Amino acid sequence: METREILDDVMAFASILAVFVLALVQLVKNSISIPRNAVPIIGLLIGLLIGAAAYPFTDLDIVLRLWAGGLAGLSATGLFELAFKDRPGTTKE
């Protein structure tokens, strides 16, 4: 498999995972009180877990699934959270 094809597969998989990661991060944010600046890290961890657990749905290697999960976690939460400039406090007030 060519490098470009592999990267295309990783990005396509990350795009699909981002929806699920965003939903789970929002669930965590609304369920427990966490510092707002920790949300991107939680998104990254959730993305990595979902990427690793998605082995039945793709033929990508574990490393590529982890990359896709990490990218999904950062894109789903990091960019979402960066839209807000003032981020002190906790998620559940």
Protein backbone atom coordinates (compact mmCIF):
# COMPACT_ATOMS: atom_id res chain seq x y z
CA MET A 1 0.00 0.00 0.00
CA GLU A 2 1.29 3.43 -0.92
CA THR A 3 1.94 6.07 1.76
CA ARG A 4 -0.64 8.45 0.28
CA GLU A 5 -3.31 5.75 0.37
CA ILE A 6 -2.50 4.98 4.00
CA LEU A 7 -2.76 8.64 4.98
CA ASP A 8 -6.06 8.94 3.11
CA ASP A 9 -7.39 5.93 5.01
CA VAL A 10 -6.25 7.36 8.35
CA MET A 11 -7.85 10.74 7.65
CA ALA A 12 -11.10 9.16 6.47
CA PHE A 13 -11.23 6.99 9.58
CA ALA A 14 -10.42 9.97 11.81
CA SER A 15 -13.29 11.91 10.23
CA ILE A 16 -15.71 9.14 11.11
CA LEU A 17 -14.34 8.73 14.65
CA ALA A 18 -14.52 12.48 15.34
CA VAL A 19 -18.31 12.36 15.53
CA PHE A 20 -18.27 9.67 18.19
CA VAL A 21 -15.44 11.29 20.12
CA LEU A 22 -17.24 14.64 20.20
CA ALA A 23 -20.42 12.98 21.49
CA LEU A 24 -18.56 11.13 24.25
CA VAL A 25 -16.60 14.22 25.29
CA GLN A 26 -19.82 16.22 25.53
CA LEU A 27 -21.29 13.41 27.65
CA VAL A 28 -18.29 13.51 29.99
CA LYS A 29 -18.39 17.32 30.18
CA ASN A 30 -22.06 17.30 31.14
CA SER A 31 -21.74 14.39 33.58
CA ILE A 32 -18.80 15.34 35.75
CA SER A 33 -17.08 18.55 36.73
CA ILE A 34 -13.68 18.85 35.05
CA PRO A 35 -11.43 21.82 34.39
CA ARG A 36 -12.11 23.32 30.97
CA ASN A 37 -8.46 23.30 30.00
CA ALA A 38 -8.41 19.49 30.48
CA VAL A 39 -11.12 18.86 27.88
CA PRO A 40 -8.74 18.54 24.88
CA ILE A 41 -6.64 15.97 26.79
CA ILE A 42 -9.77 14.00 27.63
CA GLY A 43 -10.79 14.19 23.97
CA LEU A 44 -7.38 12.86 22.95
CA LEU A 45 -7.63 9.95 25.40
CA ILE A 46 -11.18 9.10 24.31
CA GLY A 47 -10.07 9.27 20.68
CA LEU A 48 -7.17 6.91 21.34
CA LEU A 49 -9.47 4.45 23.15
CA ILE A 50 -12.07 4.51 20.39
CA GLY A 51 -9.38 4.16 17.75
CA ALA A 52 -7.91 1.14 19.50
CA ALA A 53 -11.32 -0.44 20.06
CA ALA A 54 -12.37 -0.03 16.42
CA TYR A 55 -10.48 -3.07 15.16
CA PRO A 56 -13.63 -4.90 13.88
CA PHE A 57 -14.52 -1.97 11.63
CA THR A 58 -11.28 -1.43 9.74
CA ASP A 59 -8.25 -3.30 8.50
CA LEU A 60 -5.83 -0.59 9.62
CA ASP A 61 -2.95 -1.56 11.90
CA ILE A 62 -3.15 -0.60 15.59
CA VAL A 63 -0.67 2.25 15.12
CA LEU A 64 -2.74 3.76 12.31
CA ARG A 65 -5.95 3.35 14.31
CA LEU A 66 -4.32 5.13 17.25
CA TRP A 67 -3.21 7.95 14.95
CA ALA A 68 -6.74 8.25 13.57
CA GLY A 69 -8.20 8.21 17.09
CA GLY A 70 -5.74 10.82 18.32
CA LEU A 71 -6.45 13.09 15.36
CA ALA A 72 -10.17 12.63 15.87
CA GLY A 73 -9.90 13.46 19.57
CA LEU A 74 -7.87 16.60 18.97
CA SER A 75 -9.98 17.82 16.08
CA ALA A 76 -13.30 17.10 17.78
CA THR A 77 -12.46 18.84 21.03
CA GLY A 78 -9.38 20.97 20.61
CA LEU A 79 -10.71 23.07 17.79
CA PHE A 80 -14.14 23.22 19.43
CA GLU A 81 -12.64 24.46 22.69
CA LEU A 82 -10.30 26.94 21.01
CA ALA A 83 -13.33 28.87 19.79
CA PHE A 84 -13.75 30.14 23.36
CA LYS A 85 -10.99 32.50 24.50
CA ASP A 86 -11.91 32.61 28.18
CA ARG A 87 -11.73 29.06 29.54
CA PRO A 88 -11.31 29.24 33.32
CA GLY A 89 -13.56 27.29 35.65
CA THR A 90 -15.11 23.85 35.32
CA THR A 91 -17.44 22.31 32.75
CA LYS A 92 -20.34 21.62 35.11
CA GLU A 93 -21.20 24.63 37.18
